[in-house]
Protein backbone atom coordinates (compact mmCIF):
# COMPACT_ATOMS: atom_id res chain seq x y z
CA UNK A 1 105.35 18.88 24.61
CA UNK A 2 106.78 20.54 21.52
CA UNK A 3 106.84 18.44 18.36
CA UNK A 4 107.72 18.80 14.72
CA UNK A 5 105.49 16.73 12.47
CA UNK A 6 106.73 15.46 9.18
CA UNK A 7 104.18 16.15 6.47
CA UNK A 8 103.38 12.45 6.09
CA UNK A 9 102.23 12.28 9.71
CA UNK A 10 100.00 15.34 9.49
CA UNK A 11 98.39 14.28 6.20
CA UNK A 12 97.93 10.66 7.32
CA UNK A 13 96.37 11.84 10.56
CA UNK A 14 93.92 14.07 8.76
CA UNK A 15 92.93 11.32 6.33
CA UNK A 16 92.64 8.48 8.85
CA UNK A 17 91.67 9.62 12.35
CA UNK A 18 91.82 6.05 13.72
CA UNK A 19 95.55 5.38 13.28
CA UNK A 20 98.53 6.63 15.24
CA UNK A 21 98.91 9.76 13.08
CA UNK A 22 95.21 10.46 13.70
CA UNK A 23 95.86 10.23 17.43
CA UNK A 24 98.66 12.77 17.06
CA UNK A 25 96.33 15.16 15.21
CA UNK A 26 93.79 14.69 18.03
CA UNK A 27 96.47 15.60 20.60
CA UNK A 28 97.27 18.74 18.60
CA UNK A 29 93.62 19.74 18.47
CA UNK A 30 93.26 19.13 22.20
CA UNK A 31 96.22 21.38 22.95
CA UNK A 32 98.28 18.52 24.40
CA UNK A 33 101.02 19.14 21.85
CA UNK A 34 102.60 22.31 20.55
CA UNK A 35 103.51 22.17 16.88
CA UNK A 36 106.84 23.79 15.95
CA UNK A 37 107.27 24.90 12.34
CA UNK A 38 108.90 27.44 10.09
CA UNK A 39 107.74 28.94 6.82
CA UNK A 40 109.29 26.11 4.78
CA UNK A 41 107.36 23.47 6.71
CA UNK A 42 104.10 25.41 6.53
CA UNK A 43 104.62 25.82 2.78
CA UNK A 44 105.20 22.09 2.37
CA UNK A 45 102.04 21.30 4.36
CA UNK A 46 100.09 23.61 2.04
CA UNK A 47 101.66 22.24 -1.14
CA UNK A 48 100.98 18.63 -0.19
CA UNK A 49 97.44 19.19 1.09
CA UNK A 50 96.55 20.95 -2.18
CA UNK A 51 97.72 18.09 -4.39
CA UNK A 52 94.96 16.88 -6.69
CA UNK A 53 95.35 13.26 -5.55
CA UNK A 54 94.38 14.32 -2.00
CA UNK A 55 91.29 16.27 -3.10
CA UNK A 56 88.95 13.31 -2.48
CA UNK A 57 89.83 13.41 1.23
CA UNK A 58 89.07 17.09 1.83
CA UNK A 59 85.80 18.79 0.98
CA UNK A 60 85.55 22.35 -0.35
CA UNK A 61 87.39 24.84 1.83
CA UNK A 62 88.57 22.23 4.32
CA UNK A 63 92.23 22.54 3.26
CA UNK A 64 92.05 26.29 3.80
CA UNK A 65 90.66 25.79 7.32
CA UNK A 66 93.26 23.13 8.14
CA UNK A 67 96.08 25.42 7.04
CA UNK A 68 94.66 28.37 8.96
CA UNK A 69 94.44 26.19 12.07
CA UNK A 70 97.99 24.88 11.70
CA UNK A 71 99.39 28.35 11.05
CA UNK A 72 97.48 29.88 13.95
CA UNK A 73 98.35 27.13 16.39
CA UNK A 74 102.02 26.52 15.72
CA UNK A 75 105.08 28.01 17.29
CA UNK A 76 107.18 29.71 14.62
CA UNK A 77 110.81 28.73 14.86
CA UNK A 78 113.78 30.32 13.14
CA UNK A 79 116.41 27.62 12.67
CA UNK A 80 119.93 28.69 13.49
CA UNK A 81 121.74 25.78 11.89
CA UNK A 82 121.59 24.32 8.40
CA UNK A 83 121.78 20.56 8.18
CA UNK A 84 123.13 18.79 5.13
CA UNK A 85 123.78 15.19 4.23
CA UNK A 86 120.33 13.73 4.91
CA UNK A 87 119.11 11.16 2.38
CA UNK A 88 116.47 13.66 1.21
CA UNK A 89 117.22 17.40 1.15
CA UNK A 90 113.51 18.16 1.63
CA UNK A 91 113.76 16.60 5.10
CA UNK A 92 116.33 19.09 6.40
CA UNK A 93 113.82 21.80 7.48
CA UNK A 94 112.08 19.36 9.81
CA UNK A 95 115.31 18.41 11.54
CA UNK A 96 116.53 22.02 11.62
CA UNK A 97 113.32 23.21 13.29
CA UNK A 98 113.34 20.33 15.77
CA UNK A 99 116.95 21.15 16.67
CA UNK A 100 116.24 24.88 17.14
CA UNK A 101 113.06 24.23 19.14
CA UNK A 102 114.54 21.40 21.22
CA UNK A 103 111.57 19.40 19.96
CA UNK A 104 110.80 15.81 19.13
CA UNK A 105 110.48 15.00 15.41
CA UNK A 106 107.69 12.57 14.53
CA UNK A 107 107.92 11.00 11.08
CA UNK A 108 106.69 7.95 9.26
CA UNK A 109 110.08 7.84 7.54
CA UNK A 110 112.61 7.48 10.36
CA UNK A 111 115.13 6.06 7.88
CA UNK A 112 115.27 9.53 6.28
CA UNK A 113 116.90 10.72 9.51
CA UNK A 114 119.89 8.44 10.18
CA UNK A 115 120.97 8.43 13.83
CA UNK A 116 124.44 9.78 13.04
CA UNK A 117 122.90 12.83 11.33
CA UNK A 118 120.25 13.78 13.89
CA UNK A 119 122.41 16.22 15.88
CA UNK A 120 120.86 14.99 19.11
CA UNK A 121 117.26 15.37 17.96
CA UNK A 122 114.96 12.56 19.07
CA UNK A 123 113.16 11.10 16.05
CA UNK A 124 110.21 8.74 16.52
CA UNK A 125 107.64 6.98 14.41
CA UNK A 126 103.98 7.76 15.11
CA UNK A 127 103.56 4.33 16.76
CA UNK A 128 106.46 4.86 19.15
CA UNK A 129 105.30 8.40 19.91
CA UNK A 130 101.71 7.35 20.60
CA UNK A 131 102.78 4.44 22.83
CA UNK A 132 103.41 6.92 25.66
CA UNK A 133 99.77 8.01 25.54
CA UNK A 134 98.20 4.55 25.65
CA UNK A 135 96.56 3.54 28.90
């Protein structure tokens, strides 16, 4: 399954492996999910993971290794459509990549992606997404 992960899901999953975002990160590591991204998304992941307030969660070169893993294990997508009108302009790349990749977008901020502006992209919270994997 191809997914686009909002930065909040990736970071939350790396910080807390026991929650739903942590389960999503585990599925990525196990190869059960294919991460779709473009350069803007990868840049945002890097910018956020390098923020000083997150330093206590990642030791030494851990951020470097995380970013290398994400970059090496993601499918690079070139969006063909620009999306405007979302509540936050920084959210557009995630929806654009999901649209181009025919992928599911997983975000902790579903309200940032109003149904009328999703262009047919399925947007789910981590809890809804992980509910399909529960036994």
